[in-house]
């Protein structure tokens, strides 16, 4: 079914529109949500329902701006799942990053060679970049939270993470090509 018909149905008759949306994109929405929330089916289901409600609420905007529905749903589902994950996770605001915790993460068994290589490259990052990466990608802290904790501007955190990702990408590519 065409996306325009689904959006029109959401605007004209929300019940029918949501049913069409579920038929066409329900599996995709659930798949995106479950990647972020794999442990609790009820949380994933509630999050997927939130995405359907968001689609209904934004149907007029989607129609007006001729936005691709599939892409909008994927981004909305991912963002909703991340928001729910952050709300549900144990608060780690007061948790200090220490070498023992970092070492636990770094010594976990990795399922692929690439993951092992990335873990190795992370151990070689200088401070505070190493801590920035752990806080952002292991703890899932926002750049604002990290900046506040480390007394840095949010923009500085973003720039350091961006430069660090680029550095890691280049190192990873170089090392990967030697194998």
C-alpha atoms as a PDB file:
ATOM      1  CA  UNK A   1       0.000   0.000   0.000  1.00  0.00           C
ATOM      2  CA  UNK A   2       1.212   3.506  -0.745  1.00  0.00           C
ATOM      3  CA  UNK A   3       2.332   5.682   2.136  1.00  0.00           C
ATOM      4  CA  UNK A   4       0.046   8.510   1.004  1.00  0.00           C
ATOM      5  CA  UNK A   5      -2.992   6.269   1.406  1.00  0.00           C
ATOM      6  CA  UNK A   6      -1.923   5.315   4.928  1.00  0.00           C
ATOM      7  CA  UNK A   7      -1.412   8.955   5.883  1.00  0.00           C
ATOM      8  CA  UNK A   8      -4.762   9.914   4.353  1.00  0.00           C
ATOM      9  CA  UNK A   9      -6.401   7.130   6.355  1.00  0.00           C
ATOM     10  CA  UNK A  10      -4.696   8.302   9.563  1.00  0.00           C
ATOM     11  CA  UNK A  11      -6.175  11.747   8.996  1.00  0.00           C
ATOM     12  CA  UNK A  12      -9.662  10.616   7.938  1.00  0.00           C
ATOM     13  CA  UNK A  13     -10.191   7.614  10.225  1.00  0.00           C
ATOM     14  CA  UNK A  14      -7.386   7.057  12.776  1.00  0.00           C
ATOM     15  CA  UNK A  15      -8.527   3.518  13.663  1.00  0.00           C
ATOM     16  CA  UNK A  16      -8.340   2.364  10.064  1.00  0.00           C
ATOM     17  CA  UNK A  17      -5.156   4.350   9.485  1.00  0.00           C
ATOM     18  CA  UNK A  18      -3.391   2.749  12.438  1.00  0.00           C
ATOM     19  CA  UNK A  19      -4.517  -0.690  11.264  1.00  0.00           C
ATOM     20  CA  UNK A  20      -3.110  -0.013   7.775  1.00  0.00           C
ATOM     21  CA  UNK A  21       0.072   1.314   9.340  1.00  0.00           C
ATOM     22  CA  UNK A  22       0.409  -1.836  11.439  1.00  0.00           C
ATOM     23  CA  UNK A  23      -0.198  -4.068   8.456  1.00  0.00           C
ATOM     24  CA  UNK A  24       2.371  -2.282   6.299  1.00  0.00           C
ATOM     25  CA  UNK A  25       5.020  -1.298   8.855  1.00  0.00           C
ATOM     26  CA  UNK A  26       4.246  -3.073  12.134  1.00  0.00           C
ATOM     27  CA  UNK A  27       7.038  -5.613  11.685  1.00  0.00           C
ATOM     28  CA  UNK A  28       9.555  -2.899  10.876  1.00  0.00           C
ATOM     29  CA  UNK A  29       8.562  -0.797  13.893  1.00  0.00           C
ATOM     30  CA  UNK A  30       8.799  -3.799  16.223  1.00  0.00           C
ATOM     31  CA  UNK A  31      12.167  -4.829  14.772  1.00  0.00           C
ATOM     32  CA  UNK A  32      13.644  -1.361  15.306  1.00  0.00           C
ATOM     33  CA  UNK A  33      12.274  -1.137  18.843  1.00  0.00           C
ATOM     34  CA  UNK A  34      13.414  -4.661  19.803  1.00  0.00           C
ATOM     35  CA  UNK A  35      16.994  -3.873  18.763  1.00  0.00           C
ATOM     36  CA  UNK A  36      17.113  -1.257  21.504  1.00  0.00           C
ATOM     37  CA  UNK A  37      14.777  -2.984  24.004  1.00  0.00           C
ATOM     38  CA  UNK A  38      15.445  -6.712  23.557  1.00  0.00           C
ATOM     39  CA  UNK A  39      14.892  -7.821  27.156  1.00  0.00           C
ATOM     40  CA  UNK A  40      11.314  -6.851  27.896  1.00  0.00           C
ATOM     41  CA  UNK A  41       8.626  -7.572  25.289  1.00  0.00           C
ATOM     42  CA  UNK A  42       6.091  -5.467  27.198  1.00  0.00           C
ATOM     43  CA  UNK A  43       8.320  -2.378  27.074  1.00  0.00           C
ATOM     44  CA  UNK A  44       8.957  -2.972  23.380  1.00  0.00           C
ATOM     45  CA  UNK A  45       5.224  -3.319  22.726  1.00  0.00           C
ATOM     46  CA  UNK A  46       4.420  -0.120  24.615  1.00  0.00           C
ATOM     47  CA  UNK A  47       7.152   1.723  22.753  1.00  0.00           C
ATOM     48  CA  UNK A  48       5.824   0.482  19.387  1.00  0.00           C
ATOM     49  CA  UNK A  49       2.361   1.701  20.419  1.00  0.00           C
ATOM     50  CA  UNK A  50       3.875   5.102  21.193  1.00  0.00           C
ATOM     51  CA  UNK A  51       5.285   5.196  17.662  1.00  0.00           C
ATOM     52  CA  UNK A  52       1.841   4.485  16.200  1.00  0.00           C
ATOM     53  CA  UNK A  53       0.351   7.305  18.271  1.00  0.00           C
ATOM     54  CA  UNK A  54       3.149   9.617  17.113  1.00  0.00           C
ATOM     55  CA  UNK A  55       2.417   8.713  13.486  1.00  0.00           C
ATOM     56  CA  UNK A  56      -1.240   9.579  13.997  1.00  0.00           C
ATOM     57  CA  UNK A  57      -0.357  12.883  15.701  1.00  0.00           C
ATOM     58  CA  UNK A  58       2.133  13.844  12.980  1.00  0.00           C
ATOM     59  CA  UNK A  59       0.126  12.615   9.992  1.00  0.00           C
ATOM     60  CA  UNK A  60      -0.775  16.136   8.856  1.00  0.00           C
ATOM     61  CA  UNK A  61       2.855  17.240   9.078  1.00  0.00           C
ATOM     62  CA  UNK A  62       4.012  14.149   7.179  1.00  0.00           C
ATOM     63  CA  UNK A  63       1.469  14.862   4.471  1.00  0.00           C
ATOM     64  CA  UNK A  64       2.236  18.579   4.289  1.00  0.00           C
ATOM     65  CA  UNK A  65       6.000  18.098   3.969  1.00  0.00           C
ATOM     66  CA  UNK A  66       5.701  14.921   1.876  1.00  0.00           C
ATOM     67  CA  UNK A  67       8.055  13.068   4.233  1.00  0.00           C
ATOM     68  CA  UNK A  68       8.819   9.400   3.503  1.00  0.00           C
ATOM     69  CA  UNK A  69       6.769   7.435   6.016  1.00  0.00           C
ATOM     70  CA  UNK A  70       9.088   4.439   6.282  1.00  0.00           C
ATOM     71  CA  UNK A  71      12.142   6.550   7.135  1.00  0.00           C
ATOM     72  CA  UNK A  72      10.149   8.677   9.584  1.00  0.00           C
ATOM     73  CA  UNK A  73       8.859   5.565  11.334  1.00  0.00           C
ATOM     74  CA  UNK A  74      12.356   4.067  11.627  1.00  0.00           C
ATOM     75  CA  UNK A  75      13.822   7.223  13.141  1.00  0.00           C
ATOM     76  CA  UNK A  76      10.832   7.747  15.433  1.00  0.00           C
ATOM     77  CA  UNK A  77      10.881   4.116  16.588  1.00  0.00           C
ATOM     78  CA  UNK A  78      14.615   4.208  17.275  1.00  0.00           C
ATOM     79  CA  UNK A  79      14.398   7.505  19.174  1.00  0.00           C
ATOM     80  CA  UNK A  80      11.371   6.377  21.188  1.00  0.00           C
ATOM     81  CA  UNK A  81      13.118   3.118  22.107  1.00  0.00           C
ATOM     82  CA  UNK A  82      16.293   4.926  23.160  1.00  0.00           C
ATOM     83  CA  UNK A  83      14.256   7.354  25.274  1.00  0.00           C
ATOM     84  CA  UNK A  84      12.450   4.448  26.942  1.00  0.00           C
ATOM     85  CA  UNK A  85      15.728   2.573  27.479  1.00  0.00           C
ATOM     86  CA  UNK A  86      17.251   5.643  29.140  1.00  0.00           C
ATOM     87  CA  UNK A  87      14.187   6.057  31.355  1.00  0.00           C
ATOM     88  CA  UNK A  88      14.248   2.400  32.400  1.00  0.00           C
ATOM     89  CA  UNK A  89      17.955   1.899  32.928  1.00  0.00           C
ATOM     90  CA  UNK A  90      19.350   2.083  36.422  1.00  0.00           C
ATOM     91  CA  UNK A  91      20.452   5.595  37.206  1.00  0.00           C
ATOM     92  CA  UNK A  92      24.191   5.797  36.818  1.00  0.00           C
ATOM     93  CA  UNK A  93      24.461   9.532  37.336  1.00  0.00           C
ATOM     94  CA  UNK A  94      26.550   9.155  40.460  1.00  0.00           C
ATOM     95  CA  UNK A  95      28.581   6.262  39.138  1.00  0.00           C
ATOM     96  CA  UNK A  96      32.228   7.032  38.720  1.00  0.00           C
ATOM     97  CA  UNK A  97      33.958   5.495  35.777  1.00  0.00           C
ATOM     98  CA  UNK A  98      36.804   3.479  37.156  1.00  0.00           C
ATOM     99  CA  UNK A  99      39.483   1.300  35.679  1.00  0.00           C
ATOM    100  CA  UNK A 100      37.869  -1.870  37.053  1.00  0.00           C
ATOM    101  CA  UNK A 101      34.547  -1.209  35.322  1.00  0.00           C
ATOM    102  CA  UNK A 102      36.271  -0.202  32.104  1.00  0.00           C
ATOM    103  CA  UNK A 103      38.451  -3.305  32.313  1.00  0.00           C
ATOM    104  CA  UNK A 104      35.366  -5.505  32.768  1.00  0.00           C
ATOM    105  CA  UNK A 105      33.925  -4.121  29.553  1.00  0.00           C
ATOM    106  CA  UNK A 106      37.205  -4.416  27.693  1.00  0.00           C
ATOM    107  CA  UNK A 107      37.805  -8.021  28.753  1.00  0.00           C
ATOM    108  CA  UNK A 108      34.317  -9.267  27.855  1.00  0.00           C
ATOM    109  CA  UNK A 109      34.310 -11.918  25.191  1.00  0.00           C
ATOM    110  CA  UNK A 110      33.544 -10.397  21.832  1.00  0.00           C
ATOM    111  CA  UNK A 111      31.614 -12.244  19.191  1.00  0.00           C
ATOM    112  CA  UNK A 112      33.600 -10.905  16.240  1.00  0.00           C
ATOM    113  CA  UNK A 113      37.156  -9.997  15.398  1.00  0.00           C
ATOM    114  CA  UNK A 114      36.017  -6.463  14.629  1.00  0.00           C
ATOM    115  CA  UNK A 115      34.607  -6.033  18.142  1.00  0.00           C
ATOM    116  CA  UNK A 116      37.875  -7.268  19.625  1.00  0.00           C
ATOM    117  CA  UNK A 117      39.806  -4.790  17.516  1.00  0.00           C
ATOM    118  CA  UNK A 118      37.566  -1.893  18.522  1.00  0.00           C
ATOM    119  CA  UNK A 119      37.918  -2.807  22.210  1.00  0.00           C
ATOM    120  CA  UNK A 120      41.678  -2.804  21.798  1.00  0.00           C
ATOM    121  CA  UNK A 121      41.614   0.603  20.095  1.00  0.00           C
ATOM    122  CA  UNK A 122      39.437   2.018  22.887  1.00  0.00           C
ATOM    123  CA  UNK A 123      42.012   1.022  25.504  1.00  0.00           C
ATOM    124  CA  UNK A 124      44.590   3.064  23.621  1.00  0.00           C
ATOM    125  CA  UNK A 125      42.563   6.290  23.609  1.00  0.00           C
ATOM    126  CA  UNK A 126      44.052   9.057  25.742  1.00  0.00           C
ATOM    127  CA  UNK A 127      42.074  10.585  28.596  1.00  0.00           C
ATOM    128  CA  UNK A 128      39.596  12.243  28.665  1.00  0.00           C
ATOM    129  CA  UNK A 129      38.589  10.817  25.263  1.00  0.00           C
ATOM    130  CA  UNK A 130      38.504   7.292  26.617  1.00  0.00           C
ATOM    131  CA  UNK A 131      36.138   8.322  29.399  1.00  0.00           C
ATOM    132  CA  UNK A 132      33.991  10.277  26.935  1.00  0.00           C
ATOM    133  CA  UNK A 133      33.582   7.169  24.794  1.00  0.00           C
ATOM    134  CA  UNK A 134      32.714   4.949  27.749  1.00  0.00           C
ATOM    135  CA  UNK A 135      30.224   7.406  29.144  1.00  0.00           C
ATOM    136  CA  UNK A 136      28.562   7.983  25.780  1.00  0.00           C
ATOM    137  CA  UNK A 137      28.564   4.512  24.254  1.00  0.00           C
ATOM    138  CA  UNK A 138      28.750   2.201  27.281  1.00  0.00           C
ATOM    139  CA  UNK A 139      26.659   4.107  29.820  1.00  0.00           C
ATOM    140  CA  UNK A 140      24.506   5.793  27.174  1.00  0.00           C
ATOM    141  CA  UNK A 141      24.882   9.199  28.827  1.00  0.00           C
ATOM    142  CA  UNK A 142      23.960  12.249  26.802  1.00  0.00           C
ATOM    143  CA  UNK A 143      26.649  14.701  25.767  1.00  0.00           C
ATOM    144  CA  UNK A 144      25.035  17.245  28.082  1.00  0.00           C
ATOM    145  CA  UNK A 145      25.334  14.838  31.047  1.00  0.00           C
ATOM    146  CA  UNK A 146      28.944  14.040  30.182  1.00  0.00           C
ATOM    147  CA  UNK A 147      29.824  17.716  29.839  1.00  0.00           C
ATOM    148  CA  UNK A 148      28.264  18.531  33.186  1.00  0.00           C
ATOM    149  CA  UNK A 149      30.061  15.648  34.887  1.00  0.00           C
ATOM    150  CA  UNK A 150      33.464  16.390  33.352  1.00  0.00           C
ATOM    151  CA  UNK A 151      33.060  20.173  33.452  1.00  0.00           C
ATOM    152  CA  UNK A 152      33.169  20.548  29.681  1.00  0.00           C
ATOM    153  CA  UNK A 153      30.921  22.348  27.263  1.00  0.00           C
ATOM    154  CA  UNK A 154      28.436  20.046  25.506  1.00  0.00           C
ATOM    155  CA  UNK A 155      29.847  21.237  22.188  1.00  0.00           C
ATOM    156  CA  UNK A 156      33.356  20.242  23.293  1.00  0.00           C
ATOM    157  CA  UNK A 157      32.134  16.758  24.170  1.00  0.00           C
ATOM    158  CA  UNK A 158      30.472  16.441  20.745  1.00  0.00           C
ATOM    159  CA  UNK A 159      33.603  17.622  18.925  1.00  0.00           C
ATOM    160  CA  UNK A 160      35.894  15.295  20.881  1.00  0.00           C
ATOM    161  CA  UNK A 161      33.596  12.332  20.246  1.00  0.00           C
ATOM    162  CA  UNK A 162      33.388  13.166  16.546  1.00  0.00           C
ATOM    163  CA  UNK A 163      37.146  13.472  16.197  1.00  0.00           C
ATOM    164  CA  UNK A 164      37.630  10.329  18.260  1.00  0.00           C
ATOM    165  CA  UNK A 165      35.222   8.341  16.069  1.00  0.00           C
ATOM    166  CA  UNK A 166      37.082   9.491  12.965  1.00  0.00           C
ATOM    167  CA  UNK A 167      40.432   8.561  14.516  1.00  0.00           C
ATOM    168  CA  UNK A 168      39.108   5.140  15.550  1.00  0.00           C
ATOM    169  CA  UNK A 169      37.609   4.597  12.096  1.00  0.00           C
ATOM    170  CA  UNK A 170      40.966   5.303  10.423  1.00  0.00           C
ATOM    171  CA  UNK A 171      42.872   3.111  12.878  1.00  0.00           C
ATOM    172  CA  UNK A 172      40.302   0.339  12.554  1.00  0.00           C
ATOM    173  CA  UNK A 173      40.463   0.456   8.747  1.00  0.00           C
ATOM    174  CA  UNK A 174      44.264   0.419   8.765  1.00  0.00           C
ATOM    175  CA  UNK A 175      44.447  -2.483  11.216  1.00  0.00           C
ATOM    176  CA  UNK A 176      41.673  -4.388   9.469  1.00  0.00           C
ATOM    177  CA  UNK A 177      43.527  -4.165   6.172  1.00  0.00           C
ATOM    178  CA  UNK A 178      46.631  -5.726   7.734  1.00  0.00           C
ATOM    179  CA  UNK A 179      44.751  -8.898   8.728  1.00  0.00           C
END
